[in-house]
């Protein structure tokens, strides 16, 4: 554990929407290790453990660990539900987001307005990843 870090835990009292907000913020900042390192998600026990075990010798290890866990979640979501008609666009959004594209660039790729992409696809995509993230974090307590 890094000095002065406080381990957070998955609180059942916290709403799913609050988790979606946190995961969404982290997903939008996948390429900024310092933002990820300071995320409340980076203080979860499982993330701290991965950071210590895999990235202990790196700068901002919690950010690296959180990024790795989120990418695993995105890959699992895309693999498992990416071919379902109602979920293919949110999964496509996630895959393009992990490649570093902005919402505007993603909307051009998908062929929908930026507003529609952010309102419909992004929201659903973040919910899917949040569900998987919470499942992984709870499973590895």
Protein backbone atom coordinates (compact mmCIF):
# COMPACT_ATOMS: atom_id res chain seq x y z
CA UNK A 1 0.00 0.00 0.00
CA UNK A 2 1.27 3.48 -0.77
CA UNK A 3 1.99 5.83 2.11
CA UNK A 4 -0.99 7.84 3.32
CA UNK A 5 -3.47 5.81 1.29
CA UNK A 6 -6.73 4.76 2.82
CA UNK A 7 -8.24 1.51 1.67
CA UNK A 8 -11.82 1.95 0.59
CA UNK A 9 -14.33 -0.83 0.45
CA UNK A 10 -17.35 -1.63 -1.67
CA UNK A 11 -20.18 -0.29 0.44
CA UNK A 12 -23.62 -1.81 -0.06
CA UNK A 13 -25.09 1.52 1.01
CA UNK A 14 -23.55 3.27 -1.97
CA UNK A 15 -25.90 3.40 -4.93
CA UNK A 16 -25.13 1.70 -8.20
CA UNK A 17 -25.38 5.10 -9.92
CA UNK A 18 -22.59 6.41 -7.67
CA UNK A 19 -20.40 3.49 -8.73
CA UNK A 20 -21.28 4.10 -12.40
CA UNK A 21 -20.11 7.70 -11.99
CA UNK A 22 -16.78 6.60 -10.49
CA UNK A 23 -16.17 3.89 -13.07
CA UNK A 24 -17.19 6.24 -15.89
CA UNK A 25 -14.73 8.87 -14.71
CA UNK A 26 -11.97 6.27 -14.58
CA UNK A 27 -12.84 4.93 -18.05
CA UNK A 28 -12.72 8.42 -19.53
CA UNK A 29 -9.24 8.83 -18.01
CA UNK A 30 -7.69 5.47 -18.88
CA UNK A 31 -4.68 7.19 -20.42
CA UNK A 32 -3.90 9.32 -17.35
CA UNK A 33 -2.30 7.18 -14.69
CA UNK A 34 -2.23 10.06 -12.18
CA UNK A 35 -6.01 10.58 -12.43
CA UNK A 36 -6.57 6.84 -12.03
CA UNK A 37 -4.16 6.69 -9.10
CA UNK A 38 -6.18 9.32 -7.23
CA UNK A 39 -9.55 7.76 -8.07
CA UNK A 40 -11.56 6.40 -5.12
CA UNK A 41 -11.61 3.11 -7.04
CA UNK A 42 -7.83 2.89 -6.70
CA UNK A 43 -8.24 2.67 -2.93
CA UNK A 44 -10.31 -0.51 -2.99
CA UNK A 45 -8.58 -3.45 -1.32
CA UNK A 46 -8.38 -5.54 -4.48
CA UNK A 47 -6.91 -2.69 -6.53
CA UNK A 48 -4.38 -2.02 -3.76
CA UNK A 49 -3.41 -5.70 -3.75
CA UNK A 50 -2.94 -5.82 -7.54
CA UNK A 51 -0.93 -2.60 -7.36
CA UNK A 52 1.38 -4.04 -4.73
CA UNK A 53 1.78 -7.45 -6.39
CA UNK A 54 2.16 -6.41 -10.05
CA UNK A 55 3.14 -2.75 -10.10
CA UNK A 56 4.90 -2.13 -6.78
CA UNK A 57 8.09 -0.96 -8.47
CA UNK A 58 6.31 1.46 -10.83
CA UNK A 59 5.34 5.08 -10.39
CA UNK A 60 1.63 5.43 -9.52
CA UNK A 61 1.03 1.69 -9.11
CA UNK A 62 -2.64 2.01 -8.11
CA UNK A 63 -3.33 3.86 -11.36
CA UNK A 64 -1.73 1.04 -13.35
CA UNK A 65 -3.63 -1.60 -11.41
CA UNK A 66 -6.96 0.19 -11.85
CA UNK A 67 -6.31 0.59 -15.58
CA UNK A 68 -5.53 -3.12 -15.93
CA UNK A 69 -8.67 -4.15 -14.01
CA UNK A 70 -10.89 -1.82 -16.04
CA UNK A 71 -9.46 -3.11 -19.32
CA UNK A 72 -10.18 -6.68 -18.20
CA UNK A 73 -13.75 -5.64 -17.39
CA UNK A 74 -14.20 -3.96 -20.78
CA UNK A 75 -12.83 -7.00 -22.60
CA UNK A 76 -15.09 -9.37 -20.68
CA UNK A 77 -18.19 -7.23 -21.31
CA UNK A 78 -17.37 -6.87 -25.02
CA UNK A 79 -16.68 -10.59 -25.41
CA UNK A 80 -19.73 -11.80 -23.53
CA UNK A 81 -22.43 -9.39 -24.71
CA UNK A 82 -20.91 -7.55 -27.68
CA UNK A 83 -22.89 -9.59 -30.20
CA UNK A 84 -26.27 -8.98 -28.58
CA UNK A 85 -28.29 -6.54 -30.71
CA UNK A 86 -29.16 -4.17 -27.86
CA UNK A 87 -25.64 -4.14 -26.43
CA UNK A 88 -23.40 -4.12 -29.50
CA UNK A 89 -23.22 -0.31 -29.74
CA UNK A 90 -22.37 0.21 -26.04
CA UNK A 91 -19.66 -2.45 -26.42
CA UNK A 92 -18.37 -0.79 -29.57
CA UNK A 93 -18.29 2.48 -27.62
CA UNK A 94 -16.18 0.81 -24.90
CA UNK A 95 -13.72 -0.67 -27.36
CA UNK A 96 -13.24 2.66 -29.12
CA UNK A 97 -12.91 4.46 -25.78
CA UNK A 98 -10.11 2.11 -24.70
CA UNK A 99 -8.31 2.99 -27.94
CA UNK A 100 -8.26 6.63 -26.84
CA UNK A 101 -11.04 8.04 -29.00
CA UNK A 102 -13.14 10.94 -27.73
CA UNK A 103 -16.92 10.86 -27.61
CA UNK A 104 -17.04 12.98 -30.75
CA UNK A 105 -14.71 10.61 -32.61
CA UNK A 106 -16.67 7.61 -31.37
CA UNK A 107 -19.93 9.15 -32.58
CA UNK A 108 -18.45 9.47 -36.08
CA UNK A 109 -17.28 5.83 -36.00
CA UNK A 110 -20.67 4.58 -34.80
CA UNK A 111 -22.62 6.89 -37.11
CA UNK A 112 -24.77 8.55 -34.45
CA UNK A 113 -24.86 12.04 -32.97
CA UNK A 114 -22.51 12.78 -30.10
CA UNK A 115 -25.51 13.51 -27.88
CA UNK A 116 -27.08 10.15 -28.64
CA UNK A 117 -23.81 8.32 -28.07
CA UNK A 118 -23.22 10.00 -24.71
CA UNK A 119 -26.82 9.70 -23.54
CA UNK A 120 -27.59 6.17 -24.67
CA UNK A 121 -24.47 4.17 -25.46
CA UNK A 122 -22.03 5.66 -22.96
CA UNK A 123 -24.49 5.34 -20.07
CA UNK A 124 -25.23 1.70 -20.85
CA UNK A 125 -21.55 0.93 -21.47
CA UNK A 126 -20.55 2.39 -18.10
CA UNK A 127 -23.31 0.41 -16.36
CA UNK A 128 -22.09 -2.83 -17.93
CA UNK A 129 -18.46 -2.22 -16.92
CA UNK A 130 -19.50 -1.14 -13.44
CA UNK A 131 -21.40 -4.38 -12.91
CA UNK A 132 -18.38 -6.41 -13.96
CA UNK A 133 -15.97 -4.23 -11.94
CA UNK A 134 -18.02 -4.65 -8.75
CA UNK A 135 -18.27 -8.38 -9.39
CA UNK A 136 -14.49 -8.71 -9.69
CA UNK A 137 -13.75 -6.50 -6.70
CA UNK A 138 -16.27 -8.34 -4.51
CA UNK A 139 -15.04 -11.75 -5.67
CA UNK A 140 -11.42 -10.92 -4.72
CA UNK A 141 -11.98 -9.41 -1.30
